Protein backbone atom coordinates (compact mmCIF):
# COMPACT_ATOMS: atom_id res chain seq x y z
CA MET A 1 32.35 8.19 -238.42
CA ALA A 2 28.93 9.22 -239.76
CA VAL A 3 25.89 7.94 -241.64
CA PHE A 4 25.93 8.99 -245.29
CA THR A 5 24.26 5.85 -246.68
CA PRO A 6 21.38 4.55 -244.55
CA VAL A 7 20.87 0.80 -244.32
CA ASP A 8 18.03 -1.01 -242.60
CA HIS A 9 17.74 -4.19 -240.58
CA ALA A 10 16.75 -6.34 -243.56
CA GLU A 11 19.66 -5.10 -245.70
CA VAL A 12 22.21 -5.82 -242.99
CA GLN A 13 20.71 -9.22 -242.26
CA ALA A 14 21.05 -10.09 -245.95
CA PHE A 15 24.64 -8.81 -245.88
CA LEU A 16 25.39 -11.05 -242.88
CA CYS A 17 24.40 -14.08 -244.93
CA GLU A 18 27.78 -13.69 -246.63
CA PHE A 19 29.44 -14.45 -243.27
CA ASP A 20 29.28 -17.14 -240.63
CA LEU A 21 28.62 -14.72 -237.77
CA GLY A 22 25.07 -15.54 -236.68
CA GLU A 23 21.83 -13.58 -236.89
CA LEU A 24 21.48 -9.81 -236.56
CA THR A 25 20.18 -8.75 -233.16
CA GLU A 26 20.94 -5.00 -233.06
CA LEU A 27 21.80 -2.24 -235.53
CA GLU A 28 22.82 1.29 -234.50
CA GLY A 29 24.11 4.16 -236.63
CA ILE A 30 27.28 5.91 -235.43
CA GLY A 31 27.02 9.67 -235.68
CA SER A 32 30.55 10.86 -234.90
CA GLY A 33 33.21 11.47 -237.52
CA ILE A 34 33.22 12.69 -241.09
CA GLU A 35 34.40 10.10 -243.62
CA ASN A 36 32.38 6.88 -243.82
CA THR A 37 29.02 5.36 -242.96
CA ASN A 38 29.34 3.29 -239.79
CA TYR A 39 27.01 1.09 -237.76
CA PHE A 40 27.37 -0.95 -234.62
CA VAL A 41 26.22 -4.46 -235.47
CA SER A 42 25.43 -7.09 -232.86
CA THR A 43 24.74 -10.70 -233.81
CA THR A 44 24.07 -13.90 -231.94
CA ARG A 45 27.84 -14.55 -232.10
CA GLY A 46 29.51 -11.22 -231.45
CA ARG A 47 29.77 -7.44 -231.74
CA TYR A 48 31.10 -5.74 -234.85
CA VAL A 49 31.38 -2.44 -236.70
CA LEU A 50 30.01 -2.25 -240.23
CA THR A 51 31.60 0.38 -242.47
CA LEU A 52 30.40 1.53 -245.89
CA PHE A 53 33.21 3.50 -247.51
CA GLU A 54 32.14 6.78 -249.05
CA ARG A 55 35.42 8.03 -250.54
CA LEU A 56 37.82 5.11 -250.61
CA GLY A 57 37.49 2.72 -253.52
CA PHE A 58 37.85 -1.02 -253.99
CA GLU A 59 41.43 -0.54 -255.22
CA GLN A 60 42.54 1.27 -252.02
CA LEU A 61 40.77 -0.65 -249.29
CA PRO A 62 42.73 -3.92 -249.32
CA PHE A 63 45.69 -1.98 -247.86
CA TYR A 64 43.73 -0.84 -244.79
CA LEU A 65 42.10 -4.19 -244.14
CA ALA A 66 45.39 -6.06 -244.59
CA LEU A 67 47.14 -3.62 -242.24
CA MET A 68 44.56 -4.08 -239.49
CA HIS A 69 44.72 -7.86 -239.83
CA HIS A 70 48.53 -7.75 -239.80
CA LEU A 71 48.62 -5.68 -236.61
CA ALA A 72 46.01 -7.87 -234.93
CA ALA A 73 48.11 -10.92 -235.78
CA HIS A 74 51.10 -9.18 -234.13
CA GLY A 75 49.21 -8.71 -230.88
CA ILE A 76 48.21 -5.07 -231.35
CA ALA A 77 44.68 -4.33 -230.13
CA VAL A 78 42.99 -3.16 -233.34
CA PRO A 79 39.72 -4.10 -235.08
CA ASP A 80 40.23 -7.30 -237.04
CA PRO A 81 38.42 -7.50 -240.42
CA MET A 82 36.04 -10.44 -240.67
CA PRO A 83 36.33 -12.59 -243.79
CA GLY A 84 33.19 -13.73 -245.53
CA ARG A 85 32.47 -17.34 -246.38
CA ASP A 86 34.66 -16.87 -249.47
CA GLY A 87 37.61 -15.73 -247.35
CA GLN A 88 37.42 -12.08 -248.47
CA ALA A 89 36.92 -9.21 -245.99
CA LEU A 90 36.17 -6.51 -248.59
CA ARG A 91 32.50 -6.72 -249.59
CA ARG A 92 29.83 -4.65 -251.34
CA LEU A 93 26.68 -3.21 -249.75
CA LYS A 94 24.28 -0.79 -251.47
CA ASP A 95 26.83 -0.55 -254.28
CA LYS A 96 29.49 0.74 -251.84
CA PRO A 97 32.65 -0.99 -250.63
CA ALA A 98 31.94 -2.41 -247.18
CA ALA A 99 33.68 -4.31 -244.40
CA LEU A 100 32.80 -5.80 -241.05
CA VAL A 101 35.40 -5.63 -238.25
CA THR A 102 35.47 -6.70 -234.63
CA ARG A 103 34.20 -4.12 -232.15
CA LEU A 104 36.63 -3.15 -229.40
CA ARG A 105 35.57 -2.73 -225.80
CA GLY A 106 35.93 0.42 -223.75
CA ARG A 107 35.40 4.15 -224.15
CA SER A 108 37.44 7.05 -225.41
CA VAL A 109 39.16 9.22 -222.80
CA LEU A 110 38.69 12.82 -223.88
CA GLN A 111 40.53 14.34 -220.89
CA PRO A 112 43.66 12.17 -220.86
CA LEU A 113 46.11 11.92 -217.98
CA PRO A 114 49.84 11.28 -218.40
CA SER A 115 49.13 7.59 -217.78
CA HIS A 116 46.82 7.46 -220.80
CA CYS A 117 49.38 9.29 -222.94
CA ALA A 118 52.09 6.85 -221.91
CA GLN A 119 49.98 3.92 -223.05
CA ILE A 120 49.38 5.60 -226.41
CA GLY A 121 53.11 6.21 -226.83
CA GLU A 122 53.99 2.61 -226.04
CA CYS A 123 51.25 1.26 -228.33
CA MET A 124 52.32 3.50 -231.22
CA ALA A 125 55.93 2.36 -230.96
CA ARG A 126 54.80 -1.26 -230.99
CA MET A 127 52.61 -0.55 -234.02
CA HIS A 128 55.52 1.00 -235.90
CA LEU A 129 57.80 -1.92 -235.17
CA ALA A 130 55.09 -4.37 -236.17
CA THR A 131 54.84 -2.83 -239.65
CA ARG A 132 58.49 -3.50 -240.49
CA ASP A 133 57.49 -6.73 -242.24
CA PHE A 134 54.23 -5.36 -243.72
CA GLU A 135 54.79 -5.35 -247.47
CA PRO A 136 51.75 -3.61 -249.04
CA HIS A 137 52.41 0.04 -249.85
CA GLN A 138 49.98 2.91 -250.14
CA PRO A 139 50.88 6.58 -249.64
CA ASN A 140 49.27 8.79 -247.03
CA LEU A 141 46.27 9.92 -249.07
CA ARG A 142 45.96 13.11 -246.99
CA GLY A 143 49.65 13.88 -247.26
CA LEU A 144 51.38 16.88 -248.75
CA ASP A 145 50.37 16.14 -252.35
CA TRP A 146 46.69 16.14 -251.38
CA GLN A 147 47.10 19.32 -249.33
CA ARG A 148 48.76 21.14 -252.23
CA GLY A 149 45.99 19.95 -254.52
CA ILE A 150 43.09 21.21 -252.41
CA ALA A 151 44.72 24.49 -251.34
CA PRO A 152 43.75 26.45 -254.50
CA ARG A 153 40.09 25.50 -253.97
CA LEU A 154 40.23 26.68 -250.37
CA ALA A 155 42.12 29.93 -250.99
CA PRO A 156 39.10 31.97 -252.20
CA LEU A 157 36.99 30.75 -249.27
CA ILE A 158 39.23 31.72 -246.34
CA GLN A 159 40.50 34.98 -244.87
CA PRO A 160 43.68 36.69 -246.16
CA ALA A 161 45.60 35.89 -242.96
CA GLN A 162 44.59 32.25 -243.30
CA ARG A 163 45.69 32.17 -246.94
CA LEU A 164 49.07 33.53 -245.94
CA LEU A 165 49.41 30.91 -243.22
CA LEU A 166 48.38 28.13 -245.60
CA GLU A 167 50.74 29.22 -248.37
CA SER A 168 53.73 29.79 -246.10
CA GLU A 169 53.42 26.47 -244.26
CA LEU A 170 52.87 24.52 -247.48
CA ALA A 171 56.03 26.12 -248.85
CA HIS A 172 57.97 25.20 -245.69
CA GLN A 173 56.75 21.60 -245.70
CA SER A 174 57.36 21.22 -249.44
CA LEU A 175 60.97 22.35 -249.03
CA LEU A 176 61.46 19.96 -246.12
CA ALA A 177 59.85 17.02 -247.95
CA ALA A 178 62.28 17.47 -250.84
CA SER A 179 65.34 17.50 -248.57
CA PRO A 180 67.85 14.62 -248.24
CA GLU A 181 67.27 14.62 -244.47
CA HIS A 182 63.56 13.91 -244.86
CA ALA A 183 64.32 11.02 -247.20
CA LEU A 184 66.39 9.36 -244.45
CA LEU A 185 63.59 9.33 -241.85
CA PRO A 186 62.35 5.87 -240.80
CA ARG A 187 58.92 5.17 -242.24
CA GLY A 188 56.29 2.54 -242.77
CA ALA A 189 52.55 2.03 -242.54
CA VAL A 190 51.16 4.45 -239.94
CA HIS A 191 47.76 5.22 -238.42
CA ALA A 192 48.04 8.95 -239.25
CA ASP A 193 44.93 9.84 -237.22
CA LEU A 194 45.46 8.59 -233.67
CA PHE A 195 43.39 11.16 -231.79
CA ARG A 196 41.76 10.78 -228.39
CA ASP A 197 38.51 9.60 -229.98
CA ASN A 198 40.27 6.85 -231.97
CA ALA A 199 41.46 4.93 -228.92
CA LEU A 200 39.48 3.06 -226.28
CA PHE A 201 40.26 2.42 -222.63
CA ASP A 202 38.70 -0.18 -220.38
CA GLN A 203 39.19 0.62 -216.68
CA ASP A 204 41.99 3.03 -217.62
CA ARG A 205 43.87 0.42 -219.64
CA LEU A 206 44.22 0.90 -223.38
CA SER A 207 41.93 -1.65 -225.02
CA GLY A 208 42.43 -0.74 -228.65
CA VAL A 209 43.07 1.72 -231.48
CA PHE A 210 40.55 2.00 -234.28
CA ASP A 211 39.58 4.02 -237.39
CA TRP A 212 42.51 3.00 -239.59
CA TYR A 213 41.07 4.42 -242.81
CA PHE A 214 43.50 7.36 -243.00
CA ALA A 215 46.47 5.01 -242.68
CA GLY A 216 49.27 5.07 -245.21
CA VAL A 217 53.00 4.87 -245.57
CA ASP A 218 54.62 7.93 -244.02
CA THR A 219 57.38 8.77 -241.58
CA TRP A 220 57.01 7.38 -238.09
CA VAL A 221 57.84 10.77 -236.62
CA PHE A 222 54.86 12.28 -238.48
CA ASP A 223 52.58 9.65 -236.93
CA LEU A 224 54.03 10.45 -233.52
CA ALA A 225 53.47 14.17 -234.14
CA VAL A 226 49.81 13.62 -235.01
CA ALA A 227 49.25 11.91 -231.67
CA MET A 228 51.21 14.50 -229.70
CA ASN A 229 49.23 17.37 -231.26
CA ASP A 230 46.05 15.90 -229.80
CA TRP A 231 46.87 13.88 -226.69
CA CYS A 232 49.43 16.26 -225.21
CA ILE A 233 47.97 19.75 -225.72
CA GLU A 234 45.61 22.10 -223.96
CA LEU A 235 42.70 22.18 -226.39
CA ASP A 236 41.82 25.82 -225.85
CA THR A 237 45.33 27.10 -226.62
CA GLY A 238 47.23 24.39 -228.50
CA VAL A 239 50.05 24.68 -225.93
CA PHE A 240 51.73 21.45 -224.89
CA ASP A 241 51.15 20.06 -221.42
CA ALA A 242 54.72 19.22 -220.43
CA GLU A 243 53.83 16.21 -218.29
CA ARG A 244 51.62 14.56 -220.89
CA ARG A 245 54.12 15.27 -223.67
CA ALA A 246 56.95 13.73 -221.67
CA ALA A 247 54.83 10.70 -220.75
CA LEU A 248 53.97 9.94 -224.38
CA LEU A 249 57.46 10.52 -225.73
CA ASP A 250 59.24 8.63 -222.96
CA ALA A 251 56.95 5.62 -223.30
CA TYR A 252 57.41 5.58 -227.07
CA GLN A 253 61.18 5.71 -226.76
CA ARG A 254 61.33 2.92 -224.22
CA VAL A 255 60.07 0.68 -227.04
CA ARG A 256 61.65 2.43 -230.05
CA PRO A 257 64.19 5.17 -229.33
CA LEU A 258 64.00 8.04 -231.80
CA GLN A 259 66.96 8.55 -234.08
CA ALA A 260 68.86 11.83 -233.79
CA LEU A 261 67.42 13.00 -237.12
CA GLU A 262 63.89 12.26 -235.92
CA ARG A 263 64.44 14.31 -232.78
CA GLU A 264 65.83 17.16 -234.89
CA LEU A 265 62.87 17.16 -237.29
CA LEU A 266 60.13 16.50 -234.72
CA PRO A 267 59.20 20.23 -234.52
CA ASP A 268 58.70 20.28 -238.31
CA ALA A 269 56.67 17.09 -238.11
CA LEU A 270 54.45 18.69 -235.46
CA ARG A 271 53.82 21.58 -237.85
CA ALA A 272 53.14 19.16 -240.72
CA ALA A 273 50.63 17.26 -238.58
CA ALA A 274 48.82 20.46 -237.58
CA LEU A 275 48.72 21.62 -241.20
CA ARG A 276 47.30 18.31 -242.41
CA PHE A 277 44.31 18.47 -240.07
CA TRP A 278 43.73 22.19 -240.51
CA VAL A 279 43.52 21.74 -244.30
CA SER A 280 41.29 18.70 -243.93
CA ARG A 281 38.88 20.50 -241.60
CA LEU A 282 38.81 23.56 -243.87
CA GLY A 283 37.78 21.23 -246.67
CA ASP A 284 35.06 19.61 -244.58
CA LEU A 285 33.69 23.03 -243.66
CA HIS A 286 33.91 24.85 -246.99
CA LEU A 287 33.57 21.91 -249.39
CA PRO A 288 31.07 19.74 -247.47
CA ARG A 289 29.18 16.57 -248.31
CA ASP A 290 25.66 15.69 -247.23
CA ALA A 291 25.27 13.25 -244.35
CA HIS A 292 22.38 12.21 -242.13
CA LEU A 293 24.52 12.50 -239.00
CA LEU A 294 27.39 14.81 -239.79
CA GLN A 295 29.03 17.40 -237.56
CA PRO A 296 32.18 18.88 -239.17
CA HIS A 297 35.04 19.63 -236.83
CA ASP A 298 35.98 23.26 -236.25
CA PRO A 299 39.04 24.11 -238.39
CA THR A 300 40.04 27.02 -236.14
CA HIS A 301 41.30 24.50 -233.57
CA PHE A 302 44.10 23.27 -235.82
CA GLU A 303 44.78 26.74 -237.15
CA ARG A 304 45.48 27.64 -233.51
CA VAL A 305 47.67 24.54 -233.07
CA LEU A 306 49.63 25.30 -236.24
CA ARG A 307 50.26 28.89 -235.19
CA GLN A 308 51.42 27.66 -231.78
CA ARG A 309 53.85 25.18 -233.36
CA GLN A 310 55.20 27.97 -235.59
CA LEU A 311 55.61 30.23 -232.55
CA GLU A 312 57.62 27.51 -230.82
CA THR A 313 59.90 27.31 -233.87
CA ARG A 314 60.50 31.07 -233.76
CA LEU A 315 61.19 30.92 -230.02
CA ARG A 316 63.79 28.17 -230.51
CA GLU A 317 65.44 30.16 -233.27
CA GLY A 318 65.49 33.34 -231.15
CA MET A 319 63.20 35.19 -233.56
CA VAL A 320 60.72 36.26 -230.84
């Protein structure tokens, strides 16, 4: 989250007139993240998060808002979009698409224990099962097609060793994505960005998962891999912590056991997940946008994670 488009108290109060949520009492810009403009909004009737969407358009956003509402209706702790007096959650503010969602309680746990990882695994499995009857379809907008599209713009801006890594992993993932095995993987609407800072805990109990605006239809094992590459690693090396990894995977499989093909392709999914965020962070660093409160994430972190996942592949194949 970040503040790209400033709004003031009067503008938000006027915006709230489109809802039946009371009067504005507090407005606070949120400075973390990199995609949208976000504010904490408190009213006489509740606490919310206001988002002005900087990249996503009016044609894309109904998918995200419908997904959050669907999951909330299925008992998953996610922000629930608030409809206006006309029944529509998607609005316009300062000529940008905008939405108001419920604000979850709790804080992010940035040094997770196995118990936190287990709760994430269980919640993710429940989310995946809950999307089986979710009909809207939208691809993962930061998926392989997007990565292949931005790679030529990044190539002149990165080091030769990085270009080689980028090209080789894109080739590997492209070959895998075109395979019959990949086509058989279970899939549905996924979060695709469930990092430590996108979940909240209240007294060590998971109180919700937020920031659904990278969601899209993808394989469930890819979504699992995204979470594992953040919740279960040592941040300074990218190496898995065995206890946290086991806690997340075991808890997930108690709710939804992985198919044999998913277990077989999990190492490739872990590489795909690392590649996705490395490419995204390279883009944020080398092809930046202005923002009043913007701190791009360091891309070298996911370069390190990707190289570690590749090393693990070579070790399994007896190449090291």
